[in-house]
Amino acid sequence: MTALEQSVSQARERCGETGGGTATLHEMPAKPKKKTGAKKAPAKKTTAKKTTRRKSA
């Protein structure tokens, strides 16, 4: 684990980053509440159209 930490610190030094610094925290804005749209009525089931039988004479 120490080898990994040393490798990371060396890489940061080569890139010009300073190690051990504290991060700056920013407050995130509150998420806007989602607007709920009009609730849709469930689709009505339509009955199949039945054809009438012709009576043969």
N, C-alpha and C. Protein backbone atom coordinates (compact mmCIF):
# COMPACT_ATOMS: atom_id res chain seq x y z
N MET A 1 0.83 -1.19 0.00
CA MET A 1 0.00 0.00 0.00
C MET A 1 0.87 1.25 0.00
N THR A 2 1.98 1.19 0.70
CA THR A 2 2.86 2.37 0.74
C THR A 2 3.50 2.61 -0.62
N ALA A 3 3.74 1.53 -1.34
CA ALA A 3 4.32 1.68 -2.68
C ALA A 3 3.33 2.41 -3.59
N LEU A 4 2.07 2.11 -3.45
CA LEU A 4 1.03 2.78 -4.24
C LEU A 4 0.98 4.27 -3.88
N GLU A 5 1.00 4.56 -2.60
CA GLU A 5 0.96 5.96 -2.15
C GLU A 5 2.18 6.74 -2.65
N GLN A 6 3.34 6.11 -2.64
CA GLN A 6 4.55 6.76 -3.13
C GLN A 6 4.45 7.02 -4.63
N SER A 7 3.93 6.04 -5.35
CA SER A 7 3.79 6.18 -6.79
C SER A 7 2.83 7.32 -7.13
N VAL A 8 1.74 7.41 -6.39
CA VAL A 8 0.75 8.47 -6.63
C VAL A 8 1.36 9.83 -6.31
N SER A 9 2.09 9.91 -5.20
CA SER A 9 2.69 11.20 -4.83
C SER A 9 3.74 11.63 -5.86
N GLN A 10 4.50 10.69 -6.38
CA GLN A 10 5.50 11.01 -7.40
C GLN A 10 4.81 11.48 -8.69
N ALA A 11 3.74 10.83 -9.05
CA ALA A 11 3.01 11.21 -10.27
C ALA A 11 2.41 12.60 -10.11
N ARG A 12 1.92 12.90 -8.93
CA ARG A 12 1.34 14.23 -8.68
C ARG A 12 2.42 15.31 -8.75
N GLU A 13 3.58 14.99 -8.24
CA GLU A 13 4.68 15.97 -8.27
C GLU A 13 5.10 16.24 -9.71
N ARG A 14 5.12 15.21 -10.55
CA ARG A 14 5.49 15.38 -11.95
C ARG A 14 4.46 16.22 -12.69
N CYS A 15 3.21 16.09 -12.31
CA CYS A 15 2.15 16.86 -12.97
C CYS A 15 2.01 18.26 -12.40
N GLY A 16 2.71 18.54 -11.33
CA GLY A 16 2.65 19.87 -10.74
C GLY A 16 1.56 20.03 -9.69
N GLU A 17 0.97 18.94 -9.26
CA GLU A 17 -0.05 19.02 -8.22
C GLU A 17 0.62 18.97 -6.86
N THR A 18 0.03 19.66 -5.91
CA THR A 18 0.56 19.58 -4.55
C THR A 18 -0.23 18.54 -3.80
N GLY A 19 0.45 17.68 -3.13
CA GLY A 19 -0.22 16.62 -2.40
C GLY A 19 -0.61 17.07 -1.01
N GLY A 20 -1.62 16.45 -0.45
CA GLY A 20 -2.02 16.73 0.91
C GLY A 20 -2.84 18.00 1.08
N GLY A 21 -3.25 18.62 0.01
CA GLY A 21 -4.06 19.82 0.10
C GLY A 21 -5.49 19.47 0.47
N THR A 22 -6.20 20.47 0.95
CA THR A 22 -7.59 20.22 1.28
C THR A 22 -8.46 20.60 0.09
N ALA A 23 -9.48 19.87 -0.08
CA ALA A 23 -10.39 20.12 -1.19
C ALA A 23 -11.37 21.22 -0.82
N THR A 24 -11.79 21.97 -1.81
CA THR A 24 -12.80 23.00 -1.55
C THR A 24 -14.16 22.40 -1.85
N LEU A 25 -15.08 22.60 -0.94
CA LEU A 25 -16.42 22.06 -1.08
C LEU A 25 -17.37 23.18 -1.46
N HIS A 26 -18.24 22.90 -2.38
CA HIS A 26 -19.23 23.87 -2.82
C HIS A 26 -20.61 23.31 -2.52
N GLU A 27 -21.49 24.18 -2.06
CA GLU A 27 -22.86 23.76 -1.80
C GLU A 27 -23.57 23.56 -3.14
N MET A 28 -24.28 22.47 -3.25
CA MET A 28 -25.02 22.20 -4.46
C MET A 28 -26.39 22.86 -4.35
N PRO A 29 -26.88 23.42 -5.44
CA PRO A 29 -28.21 24.03 -5.38
C PRO A 29 -29.27 22.95 -5.17
N ALA A 30 -30.33 23.32 -4.49
CA ALA A 30 -31.40 22.36 -4.23
C ALA A 30 -32.06 21.98 -5.54
N LYS A 31 -32.41 20.72 -5.66
CA LYS A 31 -33.05 20.25 -6.88
C LYS A 31 -34.47 20.79 -6.93
N PRO A 32 -34.89 21.29 -8.09
CA PRO A 32 -36.27 21.76 -8.19
C PRO A 32 -37.22 20.57 -8.11
N LYS A 33 -38.36 20.82 -7.49
CA LYS A 33 -39.34 19.74 -7.36
C LYS A 33 -39.94 19.44 -8.73
N LYS A 34 -40.12 18.18 -9.00
CA LYS A 34 -40.70 17.79 -10.28
C LYS A 34 -42.19 18.09 -10.27
N LYS A 35 -42.64 18.69 -11.34
CA LYS A 35 -44.06 18.98 -11.46
C LYS A 35 -44.76 17.74 -11.97
N THR A 36 -45.82 17.37 -11.29
CA THR A 36 -46.56 16.20 -11.74
C THR A 36 -47.66 16.68 -12.67
N GLY A 37 -47.68 16.13 -13.84
CA GLY A 37 -48.67 16.51 -14.84
C GLY A 37 -50.01 15.91 -14.51
N ALA A 38 -50.97 16.19 -15.32
CA ALA A 38 -52.30 15.62 -15.13
C ALA A 38 -52.21 14.11 -15.26
N LYS A 39 -52.85 13.44 -14.34
CA LYS A 39 -52.80 11.98 -14.38
C LYS A 39 -53.69 11.49 -15.50
N LYS A 40 -53.16 10.58 -16.27
CA LYS A 40 -53.91 10.05 -17.40
C LYS A 40 -54.82 8.94 -16.92
N ALA A 41 -56.03 8.91 -17.46
CA ALA A 41 -56.96 7.84 -17.13
C ALA A 41 -56.50 6.58 -17.85
N PRO A 42 -56.68 5.44 -17.23
CA PRO A 42 -56.27 4.21 -17.91
C PRO A 42 -57.08 4.00 -19.18
N ALA A 43 -56.47 3.42 -20.16
CA ALA A 43 -57.13 3.22 -21.45
C ALA A 43 -58.31 2.28 -21.28
N LYS A 44 -59.41 2.63 -21.91
CA LYS A 44 -60.60 1.79 -21.82
C LYS A 44 -60.48 0.66 -22.84
N LYS A 45 -60.90 -0.49 -22.41
CA LYS A 45 -60.87 -1.62 -23.32
C LYS A 45 -62.11 -1.56 -24.20
N THR A 46 -61.91 -1.62 -25.48
CA THR A 46 -63.04 -1.61 -26.41
C THR A 46 -63.39 -3.04 -26.77
N THR A 47 -64.68 -3.28 -26.87
CA THR A 47 -65.10 -4.64 -27.22
C THR A 47 -64.99 -4.80 -28.72
N ALA A 48 -64.75 -6.00 -29.13
CA ALA A 48 -64.61 -6.27 -30.56
C ALA A 48 -65.97 -6.10 -31.23
N LYS A 49 -65.95 -5.51 -32.40
CA LYS A 49 -67.19 -5.28 -33.14
C LYS A 49 -67.67 -6.61 -33.71
N LYS A 50 -68.89 -6.95 -33.35
CA LYS A 50 -69.43 -8.21 -33.84
C LYS A 50 -70.32 -7.93 -35.04
N THR A 51 -70.16 -8.71 -36.06
CA THR A 51 -70.99 -8.54 -37.26
C THR A 51 -72.25 -9.36 -37.08
N THR A 52 -73.34 -8.84 -37.59
CA THR A 52 -74.60 -9.58 -37.49
C THR A 52 -74.73 -10.54 -38.64
N ARG A 53 -75.29 -11.65 -38.38
CA ARG A 53 -75.46 -12.68 -39.43
C ARG A 53 -76.66 -12.37 -40.28
N ARG A 54 -76.50 -12.55 -41.54
CA ARG A 54 -77.65 -12.38 -42.42
C ARG A 54 -78.49 -13.65 -42.39
N LYS A 55 -79.75 -13.44 -42.27
CA LYS A 55 -80.64 -14.60 -42.27
C LYS A 55 -80.93 -14.96 -43.73
N SER A 56 -80.72 -16.19 -44.07
CA SER A 56 -80.99 -16.61 -45.44
C SER A 56 -82.46 -16.98 -45.58
N ALA A 57 -83.06 -16.60 -46.65
CA ALA A 57 -84.49 -16.85 -46.84
C ALA A 57 -84.74 -18.07 -47.66
